[in-house]
């Protein structure tokens, strides 16, 4: 009779069952990873923030929001007004790679158009 609950498996070729070296026991057996492993937590998310300045035209900010964040004109106007009134607004929340890409795109585009618009990111708490 076979058991469906396996705690150790002997490696039988190039296939490795464990991702971490520390998952290998002293006897050379490879422990199967469990679903309760803390490393399987969701990757952290990052807020992309737009900062207010006294020089970048409001229309340019609305254009940037629509172009790089795929939002409607109405949503872009709302975010732009929040930036204008409060000094900062969260434009979106993304994985680290996407947030970094958005920040770079906005900053490069603003520089090319000679606007001091600032876009940053911070880890979501």
C-alpha atoms as a PDB file:
ATOM      1  CA  UNK A   1       0.000   0.000   0.000  1.00  0.00           C
ATOM      2  CA  UNK A   2       1.421   3.403  -0.947  1.00  0.00           C
ATOM      3  CA  UNK A   3       1.205   6.466   1.254  1.00  0.00           C
ATOM      4  CA  UNK A   4       0.294   9.874  -0.140  1.00  0.00           C
ATOM      5  CA  UNK A   5       2.115  11.660   2.675  1.00  0.00           C
ATOM      6  CA  UNK A   6       5.816  11.854   1.760  1.00  0.00           C
ATOM      7  CA  UNK A   7       8.180  13.720   4.045  1.00  0.00           C
ATOM      8  CA  UNK A   8      11.477  12.778   2.388  1.00  0.00           C
ATOM      9  CA  UNK A   9      12.438  11.643  -1.087  1.00  0.00           C
ATOM     10  CA  UNK A  10      15.812  10.397  -2.288  1.00  0.00           C
ATOM     11  CA  UNK A  11      17.034  12.350  -5.397  1.00  0.00           C
ATOM     12  CA  UNK A  12      16.864  10.095  -8.447  1.00  0.00           C
ATOM     13  CA  UNK A  13      18.595  12.208 -11.067  1.00  0.00           C
ATOM     14  CA  UNK A  14      18.851  15.865 -12.057  1.00  0.00           C
ATOM     15  CA  UNK A  15      15.457  16.645 -10.509  1.00  0.00           C
ATOM     16  CA  UNK A  16      15.736  18.371  -7.141  1.00  0.00           C
ATOM     17  CA  UNK A  17      12.723  18.678  -4.920  1.00  0.00           C
ATOM     18  CA  UNK A  18      14.081  21.360  -2.606  1.00  0.00           C
ATOM     19  CA  UNK A  19      14.920  24.902  -3.629  1.00  0.00           C
ATOM     20  CA  UNK A  20      17.189  25.696  -0.684  1.00  0.00           C
ATOM     21  CA  UNK A  21      20.431  24.011   0.324  1.00  0.00           C
ATOM     22  CA  UNK A  22      19.318  24.115   3.950  1.00  0.00           C
ATOM     23  CA  UNK A  23      16.348  21.894   3.077  1.00  0.00           C
ATOM     24  CA  UNK A  24      18.742  18.947   2.640  1.00  0.00           C
ATOM     25  CA  UNK A  25      19.022  16.836   5.787  1.00  0.00           C
ATOM     26  CA  UNK A  26      22.292  15.480   7.219  1.00  0.00           C
ATOM     27  CA  UNK A  27      21.540  12.064   5.738  1.00  0.00           C
ATOM     28  CA  UNK A  28      21.436  13.462   2.199  1.00  0.00           C
ATOM     29  CA  UNK A  29      17.672  13.162   1.874  1.00  0.00           C
ATOM     30  CA  UNK A  30      15.865  16.114   0.310  1.00  0.00           C
ATOM     31  CA  UNK A  31      12.963  17.472   2.316  1.00  0.00           C
ATOM     32  CA  UNK A  32       9.911  18.490   0.331  1.00  0.00           C
ATOM     33  CA  UNK A  33       9.021  22.159   0.645  1.00  0.00           C
ATOM     34  CA  UNK A  34       5.828  22.806   2.572  1.00  0.00           C
ATOM     35  CA  UNK A  35       3.141  25.333   1.767  1.00  0.00           C
ATOM     36  CA  UNK A  36       3.626  27.066   5.118  1.00  0.00           C
ATOM     37  CA  UNK A  37       7.142  28.208   4.189  1.00  0.00           C
ATOM     38  CA  UNK A  38       7.412  31.963   4.958  1.00  0.00           C
ATOM     39  CA  UNK A  39       9.379  32.640   1.745  1.00  0.00           C
ATOM     40  CA  UNK A  40       6.247  31.907  -0.296  1.00  0.00           C
ATOM     41  CA  UNK A  41       4.623  35.114   0.970  1.00  0.00           C
ATOM     42  CA  UNK A  42       3.443  37.516  -1.731  1.00  0.00           C
ATOM     43  CA  UNK A  43       6.190  39.819  -2.993  1.00  0.00           C
ATOM     44  CA  UNK A  44       5.978  43.327  -1.544  1.00  0.00           C
ATOM     45  CA  UNK A  45       4.053  45.944  -3.500  1.00  0.00           C
ATOM     46  CA  UNK A  46       5.235  49.464  -4.202  1.00  0.00           C
ATOM     47  CA  UNK A  47       3.275  52.693  -4.413  1.00  0.00           C
ATOM     48  CA  UNK A  48       4.157  54.964  -7.319  1.00  0.00           C
ATOM     49  CA  UNK A  49       3.896  58.581  -6.191  1.00  0.00           C
ATOM     50  CA  UNK A  50       3.688  61.782  -8.186  1.00  0.00           C
ATOM     51  CA  UNK A  51       5.041  64.893  -6.452  1.00  0.00           C
ATOM     52  CA  UNK A  52       3.877  68.459  -6.904  1.00  0.00           C
ATOM     53  CA  UNK A  53       6.078  71.220  -8.238  1.00  0.00           C
ATOM     54  CA  UNK A  54       5.335  74.804  -9.209  1.00  0.00           C
ATOM     55  CA  UNK A  55       6.456  74.478 -12.828  1.00  0.00           C
ATOM     56  CA  UNK A  56       5.026  71.398 -14.538  1.00  0.00           C
ATOM     57  CA  UNK A  57       1.794  72.298 -16.372  1.00  0.00           C
ATOM     58  CA  UNK A  58      -1.327  70.514 -15.157  1.00  0.00           C
ATOM     59  CA  UNK A  59      -2.116  69.371 -18.719  1.00  0.00           C
ATOM     60  CA  UNK A  60       1.285  67.654 -18.922  1.00  0.00           C
ATOM     61  CA  UNK A  61       0.642  65.786 -15.654  1.00  0.00           C
ATOM     62  CA  UNK A  62      -2.760  64.622 -16.952  1.00  0.00           C
ATOM     63  CA  UNK A  63      -1.116  63.486 -20.203  1.00  0.00           C
ATOM     64  CA  UNK A  64       1.602  61.553 -18.309  1.00  0.00           C
ATOM     65  CA  UNK A  65      -0.996  59.835 -16.122  1.00  0.00           C
ATOM     66  CA  UNK A  66      -3.050  58.741 -19.114  1.00  0.00           C
ATOM     67  CA  UNK A  67      -0.024  57.678 -21.168  1.00  0.00           C
ATOM     68  CA  UNK A  68       1.924  55.685 -18.581  1.00  0.00           C
ATOM     69  CA  UNK A  69      -0.797  54.503 -16.211  1.00  0.00           C
ATOM     70  CA  UNK A  70      -3.589  53.754 -18.689  1.00  0.00           C
ATOM     71  CA  UNK A  71      -6.250  55.695 -16.837  1.00  0.00           C
ATOM     72  CA  UNK A  72      -9.099  57.824 -18.152  1.00  0.00           C
ATOM     73  CA  UNK A  73      -8.884  61.580 -18.605  1.00  0.00           C
ATOM     74  CA  UNK A  74     -11.263  62.047 -15.651  1.00  0.00           C
ATOM     75  CA  UNK A  75      -9.174  59.842 -13.345  1.00  0.00           C
ATOM     76  CA  UNK A  76      -6.012  61.625 -14.469  1.00  0.00           C
ATOM     77  CA  UNK A  77      -7.529  65.036 -13.694  1.00  0.00           C
ATOM     78  CA  UNK A  78      -8.548  63.821 -10.206  1.00  0.00           C
ATOM     79  CA  UNK A  79      -5.039  62.541  -9.426  1.00  0.00           C
ATOM     80  CA  UNK A  80      -3.433  65.694 -10.847  1.00  0.00           C
ATOM     81  CA  UNK A  81      -5.668  67.847  -8.612  1.00  0.00           C
ATOM     82  CA  UNK A  82      -4.743  65.722  -5.578  1.00  0.00           C
ATOM     83  CA  UNK A  83      -1.049  66.217  -6.390  1.00  0.00           C
ATOM     84  CA  UNK A  84      -1.668  69.956  -6.821  1.00  0.00           C
ATOM     85  CA  UNK A  85      -3.603  70.339  -3.535  1.00  0.00           C
ATOM     86  CA  UNK A  86      -1.822  67.845  -1.261  1.00  0.00           C
ATOM     87  CA  UNK A  87       1.662  67.894  -2.771  1.00  0.00           C
ATOM     88  CA  UNK A  88       1.671  64.165  -3.534  1.00  0.00           C
ATOM     89  CA  UNK A  89      -0.644  61.407  -4.747  1.00  0.00           C
ATOM     90  CA  UNK A  90      -0.438  57.664  -5.147  1.00  0.00           C
ATOM     91  CA  UNK A  91      -0.836  56.886  -8.833  1.00  0.00           C
ATOM     92  CA  UNK A  92      -0.898  53.123  -8.486  1.00  0.00           C
ATOM     93  CA  UNK A  93       0.436  50.100  -6.622  1.00  0.00           C
ATOM     94  CA  UNK A  94       2.603  47.614  -8.484  1.00  0.00           C
ATOM     95  CA  UNK A  95       5.232  44.919  -8.131  1.00  0.00           C
ATOM     96  CA  UNK A  96       8.748  46.283  -7.675  1.00  0.00           C
ATOM     97  CA  UNK A  97       9.764  45.785 -11.322  1.00  0.00           C
ATOM     98  CA  UNK A  98       6.664  47.468 -12.741  1.00  0.00           C
ATOM     99  CA  UNK A  99       6.869  50.344 -10.244  1.00  0.00           C
ATOM    100  CA  UNK A 100      10.535  50.936 -11.153  1.00  0.00           C
ATOM    101  CA  UNK A 101       9.662  50.906 -14.848  1.00  0.00           C
ATOM    102  CA  UNK A 102       6.797  53.402 -14.384  1.00  0.00           C
ATOM    103  CA  UNK A 103       9.001  55.764 -12.346  1.00  0.00           C
ATOM    104  CA  UNK A 104      11.750  55.613 -14.988  1.00  0.00           C
ATOM    105  CA  UNK A 105       9.300  56.168 -17.850  1.00  0.00           C
ATOM    106  CA  UNK A 106       7.705  59.199 -16.167  1.00  0.00           C
ATOM    107  CA  UNK A 107      11.023  60.750 -15.154  1.00  0.00           C
ATOM    108  CA  UNK A 108      12.600  60.252 -18.588  1.00  0.00           C
ATOM    109  CA  UNK A 109       9.529  61.618 -20.364  1.00  0.00           C
ATOM    110  CA  UNK A 110       9.367  64.663 -18.063  1.00  0.00           C
ATOM    111  CA  UNK A 111      13.076  65.397 -18.618  1.00  0.00           C
ATOM    112  CA  UNK A 112      12.743  65.051 -22.385  1.00  0.00           C
ATOM    113  CA  UNK A 113       9.905  67.573 -22.232  1.00  0.00           C
ATOM    114  CA  UNK A 114      11.922  69.820 -19.898  1.00  0.00           C
ATOM    115  CA  UNK A 115       9.569  69.555 -16.934  1.00  0.00           C
ATOM    116  CA  UNK A 116      10.792  69.015 -13.349  1.00  0.00           C
ATOM    117  CA  UNK A 117       7.981  66.536 -12.585  1.00  0.00           C
ATOM    118  CA  UNK A 118       9.083  64.036  -9.933  1.00  0.00           C
ATOM    119  CA  UNK A 119       7.874  60.475  -9.668  1.00  0.00           C
ATOM    120  CA  UNK A 120       9.003  58.139  -6.881  1.00  0.00           C
ATOM    121  CA  UNK A 121       8.113  54.809  -5.358  1.00  0.00           C
ATOM    122  CA  UNK A 122       7.928  53.474  -1.844  1.00  0.00           C
ATOM    123  CA  UNK A 123       7.238  50.080  -0.351  1.00  0.00           C
ATOM    124  CA  UNK A 124       3.639  49.633   0.703  1.00  0.00           C
ATOM    125  CA  UNK A 125       3.316  49.034   4.451  1.00  0.00           C
END
